[in-house]
Every structure is written in C-alpha cells, then in structure tokens.
Amino acid sequence: YWNVEMVGIDPDCQGKGYGRELMNRFCKVADEVGVECHLEAAGSKNERFYERSGFRVVSQLKINDPTNPAGLPLDVRLMVRPPQNRSLLG
C-alpha cells in the first residue's frame, strides 16, 4: 500500500481546485499500478475531501492535542482507498 503523508494547500490558494487536482493525479497513478492507499485525516471537513477521491473511514480515534488551549482532543479518521477500475473513473 501507499501512505499519503500530507496534503496541504496554501490558504491563499485554497478553493481553486489545486488539492483536488493533486489527489486526482495521485489516485490515477495508484489505480494504474493497482495499489491500495492509506491516510489519516483530521476533522470531518478533511474526511469529506478524501471521500470524494474514493477513500473510506475504517477507524476513528481521538488523540490528546497538547497544543490545543481548550484541551480538546484531535479527531482523526484512518482512511483507506482500494485500487479502482480506471474505466469507472472520470
């Protein structure tokens, strides 16, 4: 499997499709070689972003976040995307 370590877009460039294009290209290559992909997504907004690329939540956990002044835990989703049939991809 391949692990997606980090996907980040400069805040001034967000909402312009750069992140979507990056994930589309990554997933296309993963599908061509037939490899499963794993990642960790923090928060529901990020979960929805990756679901649009075919990732699904397989586990969810809360991690103590010592940098959060309110003491709230970080909500992390472990996500997996199996290789997909390229003929079905748009």
N, C-alpha and C. Protein backbone atom coordinates (compact mmCIF):
# COMPACT_ATOMS: atom_id res chain seq x y z
N TYR A 1 0.83 -1.18 0.00
CA TYR A 1 0.00 0.00 0.00
C TYR A 1 0.87 1.24 0.00
N TRP A 2 0.27 2.33 -0.43
CA TRP A 2 0.93 3.64 -0.35
C TRP A 2 0.27 4.43 0.76
N ASN A 3 1.06 5.22 1.48
CA ASN A 3 0.53 6.06 2.54
C ASN A 3 0.64 7.53 2.13
N VAL A 4 -0.47 8.23 2.16
CA VAL A 4 -0.48 9.67 1.88
C VAL A 4 -0.05 10.36 3.16
N GLU A 5 1.12 10.94 3.16
CA GLU A 5 1.66 11.55 4.37
C GLU A 5 1.02 12.89 4.68
N MET A 6 0.97 13.79 3.71
CA MET A 6 0.42 15.11 3.98
C MET A 6 0.01 15.77 2.67
N VAL A 7 -1.17 16.35 2.68
CA VAL A 7 -1.63 17.15 1.55
C VAL A 7 -2.00 18.51 2.13
N GLY A 8 -1.35 19.55 1.64
CA GLY A 8 -1.63 20.88 2.15
C GLY A 8 -1.55 21.90 1.04
N ILE A 9 -2.48 22.81 1.05
CA ILE A 9 -2.53 23.89 0.06
C ILE A 9 -2.47 25.22 0.83
N ASP A 10 -1.64 26.11 0.37
CA ASP A 10 -1.53 27.43 0.97
C ASP A 10 -2.94 28.03 1.11
N PRO A 11 -3.27 28.60 2.27
CA PRO A 11 -4.61 29.15 2.47
C PRO A 11 -5.04 30.15 1.39
N ASP A 12 -4.11 30.92 0.85
CA ASP A 12 -4.46 31.87 -0.21
C ASP A 12 -4.83 31.18 -1.51
N CYS A 13 -4.46 29.90 -1.65
CA CYS A 13 -4.74 29.16 -2.89
C CYS A 13 -5.85 28.12 -2.72
N GLN A 14 -6.39 28.00 -1.52
CA GLN A 14 -7.45 27.02 -1.28
C GLN A 14 -8.73 27.41 -2.01
N GLY A 15 -9.50 26.40 -2.36
CA GLY A 15 -10.78 26.63 -3.03
C GLY A 15 -10.65 26.84 -4.53
N LYS A 16 -9.45 26.62 -5.07
CA LYS A 16 -9.22 26.82 -6.51
C LYS A 16 -9.01 25.51 -7.25
N GLY A 17 -9.18 24.39 -6.55
CA GLY A 17 -9.08 23.09 -7.19
C GLY A 17 -7.70 22.46 -7.19
N TYR A 18 -6.72 23.11 -6.58
CA TYR A 18 -5.36 22.56 -6.58
C TYR A 18 -5.26 21.26 -5.79
N GLY A 19 -5.89 21.21 -4.63
CA GLY A 19 -5.88 20.00 -3.82
C GLY A 19 -6.59 18.86 -4.53
N ARG A 20 -7.70 19.15 -5.15
CA ARG A 20 -8.45 18.14 -5.91
C ARG A 20 -7.59 17.60 -7.06
N GLU A 21 -6.93 18.49 -7.79
CA GLU A 21 -6.07 18.06 -8.89
C GLU A 21 -4.92 17.19 -8.39
N LEU A 22 -4.32 17.57 -7.28
CA LEU A 22 -3.24 16.79 -6.69
C LEU A 22 -3.71 15.38 -6.34
N MET A 23 -4.87 15.28 -5.68
CA MET A 23 -5.39 13.97 -5.30
C MET A 23 -5.80 13.16 -6.53
N ASN A 24 -6.38 13.81 -7.54
CA ASN A 24 -6.76 13.10 -8.77
C ASN A 24 -5.55 12.47 -9.42
N ARG A 25 -4.46 13.21 -9.50
CA ARG A 25 -3.24 12.68 -10.12
C ARG A 25 -2.65 11.54 -9.29
N PHE A 26 -2.63 11.71 -7.99
CA PHE A 26 -2.12 10.66 -7.11
C PHE A 26 -2.94 9.38 -7.27
N CYS A 27 -4.26 9.53 -7.21
CA CYS A 27 -5.14 8.35 -7.30
C CYS A 27 -5.06 7.69 -8.67
N LYS A 28 -4.88 8.46 -9.71
CA LYS A 28 -4.75 7.89 -11.05
C LYS A 28 -3.53 6.98 -11.13
N VAL A 29 -2.41 7.43 -10.59
CA VAL A 29 -1.20 6.61 -10.60
C VAL A 29 -1.39 5.37 -9.73
N ALA A 30 -2.00 5.54 -8.56
CA ALA A 30 -2.25 4.40 -7.67
C ALA A 30 -3.13 3.36 -8.38
N ASP A 31 -4.14 3.81 -9.11
CA ASP A 31 -5.01 2.89 -9.84
C ASP A 31 -4.26 2.18 -10.96
N GLU A 32 -3.37 2.91 -11.64
CA GLU A 32 -2.62 2.32 -12.74
C GLU A 32 -1.73 1.17 -12.26
N VAL A 33 -1.17 1.30 -11.07
CA VAL A 33 -0.32 0.23 -10.54
C VAL A 33 -1.09 -0.72 -9.63
N GLY A 34 -2.35 -0.42 -9.37
CA GLY A 34 -3.21 -1.32 -8.58
C GLY A 34 -2.88 -1.38 -7.12
N VAL A 35 -2.56 -0.24 -6.52
CA VAL A 35 -2.16 -0.22 -5.12
C VAL A 35 -3.22 0.44 -4.24
N GLU A 36 -3.39 -0.10 -3.04
CA GLU A 36 -4.28 0.48 -2.04
C GLU A 36 -3.58 1.67 -1.40
N CYS A 37 -4.36 2.69 -1.00
CA CYS A 37 -3.80 3.89 -0.37
C CYS A 37 -4.40 4.09 1.01
N HIS A 38 -3.56 4.54 1.94
CA HIS A 38 -3.98 4.82 3.32
C HIS A 38 -3.65 6.26 3.66
N LEU A 39 -4.43 6.84 4.58
CA LEU A 39 -4.11 8.17 5.09
C LEU A 39 -4.81 8.40 6.41
N GLU A 40 -4.38 9.44 7.10
CA GLU A 40 -5.02 9.89 8.34
C GLU A 40 -5.56 11.28 8.08
N ALA A 41 -6.84 11.47 8.32
CA ALA A 41 -7.48 12.77 8.10
C ALA A 41 -7.94 13.33 9.43
N ALA A 42 -7.63 14.59 9.67
CA ALA A 42 -8.05 15.25 10.90
C ALA A 42 -9.30 16.08 10.61
N GLY A 43 -10.39 15.74 11.26
CA GLY A 43 -11.61 16.52 11.14
C GLY A 43 -12.53 16.09 10.01
N SER A 44 -13.81 16.43 10.15
CA SER A 44 -14.82 15.99 9.19
C SER A 44 -14.68 16.69 7.84
N LYS A 45 -14.21 17.93 7.82
CA LYS A 45 -14.03 18.62 6.53
C LYS A 45 -13.02 17.87 5.67
N ASN A 46 -11.91 17.46 6.27
CA ASN A 46 -10.89 16.71 5.54
C ASN A 46 -11.41 15.33 5.14
N GLU A 47 -12.21 14.72 5.99
CA GLU A 47 -12.79 13.42 5.67
C GLU A 47 -13.61 13.52 4.38
N ARG A 48 -14.45 14.52 4.28
CA ARG A 48 -15.28 14.69 3.07
C ARG A 48 -14.42 14.92 1.84
N PHE A 49 -13.34 15.69 1.98
CA PHE A 49 -12.44 15.94 0.85
C PHE A 49 -11.89 14.61 0.32
N TYR A 50 -11.41 13.74 1.19
CA TYR A 50 -10.81 12.48 0.76
C TYR A 50 -11.86 11.48 0.29
N GLU A 51 -13.06 11.52 0.86
CA GLU A 51 -14.12 10.63 0.39
C GLU A 51 -14.43 10.87 -1.08
N ARG A 52 -14.33 12.11 -1.53
CA ARG A 52 -14.58 12.41 -2.94
C ARG A 52 -13.54 11.76 -3.86
N SER A 53 -12.40 11.35 -3.30
CA SER A 53 -11.37 10.66 -4.07
C SER A 53 -11.46 9.14 -3.90
N GLY A 54 -12.48 8.67 -3.19
CA GLY A 54 -12.67 7.23 -3.04
C GLY A 54 -12.18 6.63 -1.74
N PHE A 55 -11.69 7.46 -0.82
CA PHE A 55 -11.26 6.96 0.49
C PHE A 55 -12.47 6.73 1.38
N ARG A 56 -12.38 5.75 2.27
CA ARG A 56 -13.44 5.45 3.23
C ARG A 56 -12.83 5.32 4.62
N VAL A 57 -13.55 5.79 5.62
CA VAL A 57 -13.10 5.69 7.01
C VAL A 57 -13.16 4.23 7.45
N VAL A 58 -12.05 3.74 8.00
CA VAL A 58 -12.02 2.38 8.54
C VAL A 58 -11.89 2.38 10.05
N SER A 59 -11.46 3.51 10.61
CA SER A 59 -11.32 3.63 12.05
C SER A 59 -11.27 5.12 12.42
N GLN A 60 -11.67 5.40 13.63
CA GLN A 60 -11.65 6.79 14.10
C GLN A 60 -11.11 6.79 15.53
N LEU A 61 -10.25 7.76 15.82
CA LEU A 61 -9.73 7.85 17.17
C LEU A 61 -9.51 9.28 17.58
N LYS A 62 -9.42 9.47 18.86
CA LYS A 62 -9.16 10.80 19.42
C LYS A 62 -7.79 10.78 20.05
N ILE A 63 -7.00 11.79 19.69
CA ILE A 63 -5.62 11.89 20.16
C ILE A 63 -5.49 13.15 21.01
N ASN A 64 -4.84 13.02 22.15
CA ASN A 64 -4.61 14.17 23.01
C ASN A 64 -3.77 15.19 22.25
N ASP A 65 -4.24 16.43 22.20
CA ASP A 65 -3.53 17.50 21.49
C ASP A 65 -3.05 18.53 22.52
N PRO A 66 -1.79 18.42 22.95
CA PRO A 66 -1.29 19.34 23.98
C PRO A 66 -1.19 20.78 23.50
N THR A 67 -1.29 21.03 22.19
CA THR A 67 -1.21 22.40 21.68
C THR A 67 -2.57 23.09 21.69
N ASN A 68 -3.64 22.35 21.94
CA ASN A 68 -4.97 22.93 21.95
C ASN A 68 -5.23 23.56 23.32
N PRO A 69 -5.39 24.90 23.38
CA PRO A 69 -5.57 25.57 24.68
C PRO A 69 -6.84 25.14 25.41
N ALA A 70 -7.85 24.68 24.68
CA ALA A 70 -9.08 24.23 25.32
C ALA A 70 -8.97 22.79 25.81
N GLY A 71 -7.85 22.13 25.49
CA GLY A 71 -7.66 20.75 25.92
C GLY A 71 -8.48 19.74 25.14
N LEU A 72 -9.00 20.15 23.98
CA LEU A 72 -9.81 19.24 23.17
C LEU A 72 -8.93 18.26 22.41
N PRO A 73 -9.38 17.01 22.31
CA PRO A 73 -8.59 16.03 21.57
C PRO A 73 -8.71 16.26 20.06
N LEU A 74 -7.74 15.77 19.33
CA LEU A 74 -7.75 15.82 17.88
C LEU A 74 -8.51 14.61 17.37
N ASP A 75 -9.51 14.84 16.53
CA ASP A 75 -10.35 13.78 15.98
C ASP A 75 -9.74 13.31 14.66
N VAL A 76 -9.23 12.08 14.63
CA VAL A 76 -8.51 11.56 13.47
C VAL A 76 -9.27 10.39 12.87
N ARG A 77 -9.40 10.41 11.54
CA ARG A 77 -10.01 9.30 10.81
C ARG A 77 -8.92 8.57 10.03
N LEU A 78 -8.85 7.27 10.20
CA LEU A 78 -7.95 6.44 9.40
C LEU A 78 -8.75 6.02 8.18
N MET A 79 -8.21 6.30 7.00
CA MET A 79 -8.97 6.10 5.76
C MET A 79 -8.18 5.22 4.78
N VAL A 80 -8.92 4.45 3.99
CA VAL A 80 -8.33 3.54 3.00
C VAL A 80 -9.04 3.73 1.68
N ARG A 81 -8.27 3.63 0.59
CA ARG A 81 -8.83 3.69 -0.76
C ARG A 81 -8.28 2.49 -1.53
N PRO A 82 -9.14 1.52 -1.87
CA PRO A 82 -8.66 0.40 -2.68
C PRO A 82 -8.40 0.84 -4.11
N PRO A 83 -7.58 0.11 -4.85
CA PRO A 83 -7.40 0.46 -6.26
C PRO A 83 -8.75 0.39 -6.96
N GLN A 84 -8.98 1.30 -7.87
CA GLN A 84 -10.27 1.36 -8.55
C GLN A 84 -10.09 1.10 -10.04
N ASN A 85 -11.15 0.59 -10.62
CA ASN A 85 -11.17 0.31 -12.05
C ASN A 85 -11.09 1.62 -12.80
N ARG A 86 -10.03 1.83 -13.57
CA ARG A 86 -9.81 3.09 -14.28
C ARG A 86 -10.93 3.42 -15.24
N SER A 87 -11.60 2.40 -15.77
CA SER A 87 -12.69 2.68 -16.72
C SER A 87 -13.87 3.35 -16.05
N LEU A 88 -13.95 3.25 -14.71
CA LEU A 88 -15.05 3.87 -13.98
C LEU A 88 -14.71 5.29 -13.53
N LEU A 89 -13.43 5.68 -13.65
CA LEU A 89 -13.01 6.99 -13.18
C LEU A 89 -13.27 8.05 -14.23
N GLY A 90 -13.62 9.27 -13.75
CA GLY A 90 -13.89 10.35 -14.67
C GLY A 90 -12.72 11.24 -14.92
